[in-house]
All heavy atoms as atom14 arrays in JSON, in Angstrom:
{
  "sequence": "LSAETLSADRLTAAMAIDGAPVLALTSWRAQTLKARAY",
  "atom14_mask": [
    [1, 1, 1, 1, 1, 1, 1, 1, 0, 0, 0, 0, 0, 0],
    [1, 1, 1, 1, 1, 1, 0, 0, 0, 0, 0, 0, 0, 0],
    [1, 1, 1, 1, 1, 0, 0, 0, 0, 0, 0, 0, 0, 0],
    [1, 1, 1, 1, 1, 1, 1, 1, 1, 0, 0, 0, 0, 0],
    [1, 1, 1, 1, 1, 1, 1, 0, 0, 0, 0, 0, 0, 0],
    [1, 1, 1, 1, 1, 1, 1, 1, 0, 0, 0, 0, 0, 0],
    [1, 1, 1, 1, 1, 1, 0, 0, 0, 0, 0, 0, 0, 0],
    [1, 1, 1, 1, 1, 0, 0, 0, 0, 0, 0, 0, 0, 0],
    [1, 1, 1, 1, 1, 1, 1, 1, 0, 0, 0, 0, 0, 0],
    [1, 1, 1, 1, 1, 1, 1, 1, 1, 1, 1, 0, 0, 0],
    [1, 1, 1, 1, 1, 1, 1, 1, 0, 0, 0, 0, 0, 0],
    [1, 1, 1, 1, 1, 1, 1, 0, 0, 0, 0, 0, 0, 0],
    [1, 1, 1, 1, 1, 0, 0, 0, 0, 0, 0, 0, 0, 0],
    [1, 1, 1, 1, 1, 0, 0, 0, 0, 0, 0, 0, 0, 0],
    [1, 1, 1, 1, 1, 1, 1, 1, 0, 0, 0, 0, 0, 0],
    [1, 1, 1, 1, 1, 0, 0, 0, 0, 0, 0, 0, 0, 0],
    [1, 1, 1, 1, 1, 1, 1, 1, 0, 0, 0, 0, 0, 0],
    [1, 1, 1, 1, 1, 1, 1, 1, 0, 0, 0, 0, 0, 0],
    [1, 1, 1, 1, 0, 0, 0, 0, 0, 0, 0, 0, 0, 0],
    [1, 1, 1, 1, 1, 0, 0, 0, 0, 0, 0, 0, 0, 0],
    [1, 1, 1, 1, 1, 1, 1, 0, 0, 0, 0, 0, 0, 0],
    [1, 1, 1, 1, 1, 1, 1, 0, 0, 0, 0, 0, 0, 0],
    [1, 1, 1, 1, 1, 1, 1, 1, 0, 0, 0, 0, 0, 0],
    [1, 1, 1, 1, 1, 0, 0, 0, 0, 0, 0, 0, 0, 0],
    [1, 1, 1, 1, 1, 1, 1, 1, 0, 0, 0, 0, 0, 0],
    [1, 1, 1, 1, 1, 1, 1, 0, 0, 0, 0, 0, 0, 0],
    [1, 1, 1, 1, 1, 1, 0, 0, 0, 0, 0, 0, 0, 0],
    [1, 1, 1, 1, 1, 1, 1, 1, 1, 1, 1, 1, 1, 1],
    [1, 1, 1, 1, 1, 1, 1, 1, 1, 1, 1, 0, 0, 0],
    [1, 1, 1, 1, 1, 0, 0, 0, 0, 0, 0, 0, 0, 0],
    [1, 1, 1, 1, 1, 1, 1, 1, 1, 0, 0, 0, 0, 0],
    [1, 1, 1, 1, 1, 1, 1, 0, 0, 0, 0, 0, 0, 0],
    [1, 1, 1, 1, 1, 1, 1, 1, 0, 0, 0, 0, 0, 0],
    [1, 1, 1, 1, 1, 1, 1, 1, 1, 0, 0, 0, 0, 0],
    [1, 1, 1, 1, 1, 0, 0, 0, 0, 0, 0, 0, 0, 0],
    [1, 1, 1, 1, 1, 1, 1, 1, 1, 1, 1, 0, 0, 0],
    [1, 1, 1, 1, 1, 0, 0, 0, 0, 0, 0, 0, 0, 0],
    [1, 1, 1, 1, 1, 1, 1, 1, 1, 1, 1, 1, 0, 0]
  ],
  "atom14_positions": [
    [[-3.45, -4.24, 5.85], [-3.47, -5.53, 5.16], [-2.09, -5.78, 4.56], [-1.44, -4.84, 4.1], [-4.51, -5.55, 4.04], [-5.98, -5.61, 4.43], [-6.79, -4.66, 3.58], [-6.48, -7.03, 4.26], [0.0, 0.0, 0.0], [0.0, 0.0, 0.0], [0.0, 0.0, 0.0], [0.0, 0.0, 0.0], [0.0, 0.0, 0.0], [0.0, 0.0, 0.0]],
    [[-1.65, -7.02, 4.55], [-0.42, -7.36, 3.86], [-0.62, -7.23, 2.36], [-1.6, -7.76, 1.81], [-0.01, -8.8, 4.2], [0.87, -9.31, 3.23], [0.0, 0.0, 0.0], [0.0, 0.0, 0.0], [0.0, 0.0, 0.0], [0.0, 0.0, 0.0], [0.0, 0.0, 0.0], [0.0, 0.0, 0.0], [0.0, 0.0, 0.0], [0.0, 0.0, 0.0]],
    [[0.29, -6.53, 1.69], [0.19, -6.42, 0.24], [0.34, -7.78, -0.43], [-0.28, -8.05, -1.46], [1.25, -5.45, -0.28], [0.0, 0.0, 0.0], [0.0, 0.0, 0.0], [0.0, 0.0, 0.0], [0.0, 0.0, 0.0], [0.0, 0.0, 0.0], [0.0, 0.0, 0.0], [0.0, 0.0, 0.0], [0.0, 0.0, 0.0], [0.0, 0.0, 0.0]],
    [[1.15, -8.64, 0.17], [1.39, -9.96, -0.43], [0.16, -10.83, -0.43], [-0.12, -11.54, -1.41], [2.53, -10.67, 0.32], [2.82, -12.05, -0.2], [3.96, -12.74, 0.53], [4.77, -12.04, 1.17], [4.05, -13.99, 0.45], [0.0, 0.0, 0.0], [0.0, 0.0, 0.0], [0.0, 0.0, 0.0], [0.0, 0.0, 0.0], [0.0, 0.0, 0.0]],
    [[-0.62, -10.82, 0.66], [-1.78, -11.71, 0.77], [-3.09, -10.98, 0.48], [-4.17, -11.54, 0.7], [-1.84, -12.33, 2.18], [-1.86, -11.29, 3.17], [-0.62, -13.21, 2.42], [0.0, 0.0, 0.0], [0.0, 0.0, 0.0], [0.0, 0.0, 0.0], [0.0, 0.0, 0.0], [0.0, 0.0, 0.0], [0.0, 0.0, 0.0], [0.0, 0.0, 0.0]],
    [[-3.01, -9.76, 0.0], [-4.2, -8.97, -0.3], [-5.01, -9.62, -1.43], [-4.44, -10.11, -2.41], [-3.76, -7.56, -0.73], [-4.84, -6.55, -1.08], [-5.68, -6.21, 0.15], [-4.19, -5.28, -1.65], [0.0, 0.0, 0.0], [0.0, 0.0, 0.0], [0.0, 0.0, 0.0], [0.0, 0.0, 0.0], [0.0, 0.0, 0.0], [0.0, 0.0, 0.0]],
    [[-6.33, -9.63, -1.27], [-7.22, -10.15, -2.32], [-7.95, -9.01, -2.99], [-8.03, -7.89, -2.45], [-8.24, -11.13, -1.72], [-9.15, -10.43, -0.87], [0.0, 0.0, 0.0], [0.0, 0.0, 0.0], [0.0, 0.0, 0.0], [0.0, 0.0, 0.0], [0.0, 0.0, 0.0], [0.0, 0.0, 0.0], [0.0, 0.0, 0.0], [0.0, 0.0, 0.0]],
    [[-8.49, -9.28, -4.16], [-9.22, -8.25, -4.89], [-10.44, -7.77, -4.1], [-10.73, -6.57, -4.07], [-9.65, -8.79, -6.26], [0.0, 0.0, 0.0], [0.0, 0.0, 0.0], [0.0, 0.0, 0.0], [0.0, 0.0, 0.0], [0.0, 0.0, 0.0], [0.0, 0.0, 0.0], [0.0, 0.0, 0.0], [0.0, 0.0, 0.0], [0.0, 0.0, 0.0]],
    [[-11.16, -8.68, -3.47], [-12.34, -8.29, -2.7], [-11.97, -7.39, -1.53], [-12.65, -6.39, -1.26], [-13.08, -9.54, -2.18], [-13.78, -10.29, -3.3], [-13.96, -9.72, -4.39], [-14.14, -11.46, -3.07], [0.0, 0.0, 0.0], [0.0, 0.0, 0.0], [0.0, 0.0, 0.0], [0.0, 0.0, 0.0], [0.0, 0.0, 0.0], [0.0, 0.0, 0.0]],
    [[-10.9, -7.75, -0.83], [-10.52, -6.94, 0.32], [-9.93, -5.6, -0.12], [-10.05, -4.6, 0.58], [-9.54, -7.71, 1.21], [-10.28, -8.83, 2.0], [-9.8, -8.88, 3.44], [-10.74, -9.59, 4.29], [-10.7, -10.89, 4.57], [-9.78, -11.64, 4.02], [-11.59, -11.43, 5.39], [0.0, 0.0, 0.0], [0.0, 0.0, 0.0], [0.0, 0.0, 0.0]],
    [[-9.29, -5.57, -1.27], [-8.82, -4.29, -1.79], [-10.0, -3.37, -2.07], [-9.99, -2.19, -1.7], [-8.01, -4.5, -3.07], [-7.6, -3.23, -3.82], [-6.76, -2.31, -2.95], [-6.86, -3.58, -5.11], [0.0, 0.0, 0.0], [0.0, 0.0, 0.0], [0.0, 0.0, 0.0], [0.0, 0.0, 0.0], [0.0, 0.0, 0.0], [0.0, 0.0, 0.0]],
    [[-11.04, -3.92, -2.7], [-12.23, -3.12, -2.98], [-12.85, -2.59, -1.7], [-13.22, -1.41, -1.6], [-13.27, -3.96, -3.74], [-12.7, -4.4, -4.99], [-14.53, -3.17, -4.02], [0.0, 0.0, 0.0], [0.0, 0.0, 0.0], [0.0, 0.0, 0.0], [0.0, 0.0, 0.0], [0.0, 0.0, 0.0], [0.0, 0.0, 0.0], [0.0, 0.0, 0.0]],
    [[-12.93, -3.43, -0.67], [-13.51, -3.02, 0.6], [-12.65, -1.96, 1.27], [-13.17, -0.98, 1.84], [-13.68, -4.23, 1.52], [0.0, 0.0, 0.0], [0.0, 0.0, 0.0], [0.0, 0.0, 0.0], [0.0, 0.0, 0.0], [0.0, 0.0, 0.0], [0.0, 0.0, 0.0], [0.0, 0.0, 0.0], [0.0, 0.0, 0.0], [0.0, 0.0, 0.0]],
    [[-11.34, -2.12, 1.2], [-10.44, -1.14, 1.83], [-10.51, 0.2, 1.13], [-10.48, 1.26, 1.77], [-9.01, -1.67, 1.82], [0.0, 0.0, 0.0], [0.0, 0.0, 0.0], [0.0, 0.0, 0.0], [0.0, 0.0, 0.0], [0.0, 0.0, 0.0], [0.0, 0.0, 0.0], [0.0, 0.0, 0.0], [0.0, 0.0, 0.0], [0.0, 0.0, 0.0]],
    [[-10.61, 0.18, -0.19], [-10.67, 1.43, -0.95], [-11.98, 2.16, -0.74], [-12.07, 3.37, -0.99], [-10.45, 1.15, -2.43], [-9.06, 0.59, -2.77], [-7.72, 1.72, -2.34], [-7.92, 2.96, -3.6], [0.0, 0.0, 0.0], [0.0, 0.0, 0.0], [0.0, 0.0, 0.0], [0.0, 0.0, 0.0], [0.0, 0.0, 0.0], [0.0, 0.0, 0.0]],
    [[-13.02, 1.44, -0.29], [-14.32, 2.07, -0.04], [-14.33, 2.85, 1.27], [-15.23, 3.65, 1.51], [-15.42, 1.0, -0.02], [0.0, 0.0, 0.0], [0.0, 0.0, 0.0], [0.0, 0.0, 0.0], [0.0, 0.0, 0.0], [0.0, 0.0, 0.0], [0.0, 0.0, 0.0], [0.0, 0.0, 0.0], [0.0, 0.0, 0.0], [0.0, 0.0, 0.0]],
    [[-13.33, 2.61, 2.12], [-13.23, 3.36, 3.38], [-12.65, 4.74, 3.07], [-11.65, 4.86, 2.37], [-12.32, 2.63, 4.39], [-12.9, 1.24, 4.71], [-12.15, 3.43, 5.67], [-11.96, 0.36, 5.51], [0.0, 0.0, 0.0], [0.0, 0.0, 0.0], [0.0, 0.0, 0.0], [0.0, 0.0, 0.0], [0.0, 0.0, 0.0], [0.0, 0.0, 0.0]],
    [[-13.25, 5.75, 3.61], [-12.77, 7.11, 3.37], [-11.61, 7.41, 4.31], [-11.73, 8.14, 5.28], [-13.91, 8.11, 3.59], [-13.49, 9.53, 3.22], [-12.49, 9.68, 2.49], [-14.16, 10.48, 3.67], [0.0, 0.0, 0.0], [0.0, 0.0, 0.0], [0.0, 0.0, 0.0], [0.0, 0.0, 0.0], [0.0, 0.0, 0.0], [0.0, 0.0, 0.0]],
    [[-10.44, 6.81, 3.98], [-9.32, 6.93, 4.9], [-7.99, 7.21, 4.25], [-6.95, 6.92, 4.84], [0.0, 0.0, 0.0], [0.0, 0.0, 0.0], [0.0, 0.0, 0.0], [0.0, 0.0, 0.0], [0.0, 0.0, 0.0], [0.0, 0.0, 0.0], [0.0, 0.0, 0.0], [0.0, 0.0, 0.0], [0.0, 0.0, 0.0], [0.0, 0.0, 0.0]],
    [[-7.98, 7.75, 3.03], [-6.74, 8.1, 2.34], [-5.75, 6.94, 2.33], [-4.71, 6.98, 3.0], [-6.11, 9.34, 2.96], [0.0, 0.0, 0.0], [0.0, 0.0, 0.0], [0.0, 0.0, 0.0], [0.0, 0.0, 0.0], [0.0, 0.0, 0.0], [0.0, 0.0, 0.0], [0.0, 0.0, 0.0], [0.0, 0.0, 0.0], [0.0, 0.0, 0.0]],
    [[-6.05, 5.85, 1.62], [-5.2, 4.66, 1.66], [-3.8, 4.9, 1.12], [-3.61, 5.65, 0.17], [-5.96, 3.65, 0.8], [-6.77, 4.49, -0.14], [-7.15, 5.69, 0.64], [0.0, 0.0, 0.0], [0.0, 0.0, 0.0], [0.0, 0.0, 0.0], [0.0, 0.0, 0.0], [0.0, 0.0, 0.0], [0.0, 0.0, 0.0], [0.0, 0.0, 0.0]],
    [[-2.81, 4.26, 1.76], [-1.43, 4.33, 1.3], [-0.84, 2.93, 1.3], [-1.35, 2.02, 1.96], [-0.57, 5.24, 2.22], [-1.1, 6.67, 2.23], [-0.48, 4.68, 3.63], [0.0, 0.0, 0.0], [0.0, 0.0, 0.0], [0.0, 0.0, 0.0], [0.0, 0.0, 0.0], [0.0, 0.0, 0.0], [0.0, 0.0, 0.0], [0.0, 0.0, 0.0]],
    [[0.23, 2.77, 0.54], [1.01, 1.55, 0.6], [2.29, 1.87, 1.35], [3.1, 2.69, 0.91], [1.35, 1.02, -0.8], [2.07, -0.32, -0.84], [1.17, -1.42, -0.27], [2.51, -0.68, -2.25], [0.0, 0.0, 0.0], [0.0, 0.0, 0.0], [0.0, 0.0, 0.0], [0.0, 0.0, 0.0], [0.0, 0.0, 0.0], [0.0, 0.0, 0.0]],
    [[2.45, 1.26, 2.52], [3.62, 1.49, 3.35], [4.73, 0.54, 2.92], [4.53, -0.68, 2.85], [3.29, 1.28, 4.82], [0.0, 0.0, 0.0], [0.0, 0.0, 0.0], [0.0, 0.0, 0.0], [0.0, 0.0, 0.0], [0.0, 0.0, 0.0], [0.0, 0.0, 0.0], [0.0, 0.0, 0.0], [0.0, 0.0, 0.0], [0.0, 0.0, 0.0]],
    [[5.89, 1.11, 2.59], [7.04, 0.35, 2.12], [8.27, 0.73, 2.93], [8.34, 1.84, 3.47], [7.31, 0.65, 0.64], [6.19, 0.39, -0.36], [6.51, 1.05, -1.69], [5.99, -1.12, -0.55], [0.0, 0.0, 0.0], [0.0, 0.0, 0.0], [0.0, 0.0, 0.0], [0.0, 0.0, 0.0], [0.0, 0.0, 0.0], [0.0, 0.0, 0.0]],
    [[9.26, -0.14, 2.97], [10.51, 0.23, 3.62], [11.28, 1.19, 2.71], [11.03, 1.28, 1.51], [11.4, -0.99, 3.89], [11.85, -1.54, 2.64], [10.64, -2.06, 4.67], [0.0, 0.0, 0.0], [0.0, 0.0, 0.0], [0.0, 0.0, 0.0], [0.0, 0.0, 0.0], [0.0, 0.0, 0.0], [0.0, 0.0, 0.0], [0.0, 0.0, 0.0]],
    [[12.23, 1.9, 3.29], [13.01, 2.86, 2.5], [13.84, 2.15, 1.43], [14.09, 2.71, 0.37], [13.93, 3.68, 3.41], [14.79, 2.84, 4.16], [0.0, 0.0, 0.0], [0.0, 0.0, 0.0], [0.0, 0.0, 0.0], [0.0, 0.0, 0.0], [0.0, 0.0, 0.0], [0.0, 0.0, 0.0], [0.0, 0.0, 0.0], [0.0, 0.0, 0.0]],
    [[14.25, 0.89, 1.69], [14.99, 0.14, 0.68], [14.14, -0.12, -0.55], [14.59, 0.08, -1.69], [15.48, -1.19, 1.25], [16.68, -1.09, 2.14], [16.75, -1.44, 3.46], [17.98, -0.59, 1.8], [18.01, -1.21, 3.96], [18.79, -0.68, 2.96], [18.55, -0.07, 0.63], [20.13, -0.29, 2.98], [19.87, 0.32, 0.66], [20.65, 0.22, 1.82]],
    [[12.91, -0.54, -0.34], [12.02, -0.79, -1.48], [11.65, 0.52, -2.17], [11.59, 0.6, -3.39], [10.75, -1.52, -1.0], [9.79, -1.9, -2.14], [10.42, -2.85, -3.13], [9.56, -3.13, -4.27], [10.0, -3.32, -5.51], [11.3, -3.26, -5.78], [9.16, -3.57, -6.49], [0.0, 0.0, 0.0], [0.0, 0.0, 0.0], [0.0, 0.0, 0.0]],
    [[11.42, 1.56, -1.38], [11.1, 2.88, -1.94], [12.25, 3.38, -2.81], [12.03, 3.99, -3.87], [10.81, 3.86, -0.83], [0.0, 0.0, 0.0], [0.0, 0.0, 0.0], [0.0, 0.0, 0.0], [0.0, 0.0, 0.0], [0.0, 0.0, 0.0], [0.0, 0.0, 0.0], [0.0, 0.0, 0.0], [0.0, 0.0, 0.0], [0.0, 0.0, 0.0]],
    [[13.47, 3.14, -2.39], [14.63, 3.57, -3.16], [14.64, 2.92, -4.53], [14.92, 3.57, -5.55], [15.91, 3.22, -2.39], [17.2, 3.61, -3.06], [18.41, 3.26, -2.2], [18.45, 3.57, -1.01], [19.4, 2.6, -2.79], [0.0, 0.0, 0.0], [0.0, 0.0, 0.0], [0.0, 0.0, 0.0], [0.0, 0.0, 0.0], [0.0, 0.0, 0.0]],
    [[14.33, 1.63, -4.58], [14.27, 0.91, -5.86], [13.19, 1.51, -6.76], [13.37, 1.63, -7.97], [13.99, -0.58, -5.63], [15.07, -1.14, -4.87], [13.84, -1.33, -6.93], [0.0, 0.0, 0.0], [0.0, 0.0, 0.0], [0.0, 0.0, 0.0], [0.0, 0.0, 0.0], [0.0, 0.0, 0.0], [0.0, 0.0, 0.0], [0.0, 0.0, 0.0]],
    [[12.05, 1.89, -6.16], [10.92, 2.4, -6.93], [11.03, 3.9, -7.2], [10.13, 4.47, -7.83], [9.62, 2.14, -6.16], [9.25, 0.66, -5.96], [8.11, 0.53, -4.95], [8.87, 0.02, -7.29], [0.0, 0.0, 0.0], [0.0, 0.0, 0.0], [0.0, 0.0, 0.0], [0.0, 0.0, 0.0], [0.0, 0.0, 0.0], [0.0, 0.0, 0.0]],
    [[12.09, 4.53, -6.72], [12.28, 5.98, -6.88], [11.15, 6.76, -6.21], [10.69, 7.79, -6.7], [12.37, 6.37, -8.37], [13.47, 5.64, -9.13], [14.84, 6.03, -8.61], [15.96, 5.49, -9.48], [16.09, 4.02, -9.41], [0.0, 0.0, 0.0], [0.0, 0.0, 0.0], [0.0, 0.0, 0.0], [0.0, 0.0, 0.0], [0.0, 0.0, 0.0]],
    [[10.71, 6.23, -5.06], [9.67, 6.9, -4.27], [10.33, 7.58, -3.07], [11.29, 7.05, -2.5], [8.62, 5.9, -3.8], [0.0, 0.0, 0.0], [0.0, 0.0, 0.0], [0.0, 0.0, 0.0], [0.0, 0.0, 0.0], [0.0, 0.0, 0.0], [0.0, 0.0, 0.0], [0.0, 0.0, 0.0], [0.0, 0.0, 0.0], [0.0, 0.0, 0.0]],
    [[9.83, 8.72, -2.68], [10.4, 9.47, -1.56], [10.06, 8.8, -0.23], [8.9, 8.5, 0.04], [9.85, 10.89, -1.55], [10.25, 11.71, -2.76], [11.58, 12.37, -2.55], [11.89, 13.32, -3.6], [12.94, 14.13, -3.59], [13.76, 14.11, -2.55], [13.17, 14.96, -4.59], [0.0, 0.0, 0.0], [0.0, 0.0, 0.0], [0.0, 0.0, 0.0]],
    [[11.07, 8.6, 0.61], [10.86, 8.05, 1.95], [10.96, 9.21, 2.95], [11.98, 9.38, 3.62], [11.87, 6.97, 2.26], [0.0, 0.0, 0.0], [0.0, 0.0, 0.0], [0.0, 0.0, 0.0], [0.0, 0.0, 0.0], [0.0, 0.0, 0.0], [0.0, 0.0, 0.0], [0.0, 0.0, 0.0], [0.0, 0.0, 0.0], [0.0, 0.0, 0.0]],
    [[9.89, 9.99, 3.03], [9.92, 11.16, 3.92], [10.0, 10.78, 5.39], [10.4, 11.6, 6.22], [8.67, 12.03, 3.68], [8.66, 12.72, 2.34], [7.68, 12.44, 1.39], [9.63, 13.67, 2.02], [7.66, 13.09, 0.17], [9.62, 14.32, 0.78], [8.63, 14.02, -0.13], [8.62, 14.67, -1.35], [0.0, 0.0, 0.0], [0.0, 0.0, 0.0]]
  ]
}
């Protein structure tokens, strides 16, 4: 799902899936957030 157009209802539904959810970001955005881009 696009993070930009994500709705609360769809977030709830996605989190109910047993699939280890992640937020995929580019390395440029990760760098700003001090997140590791492995």
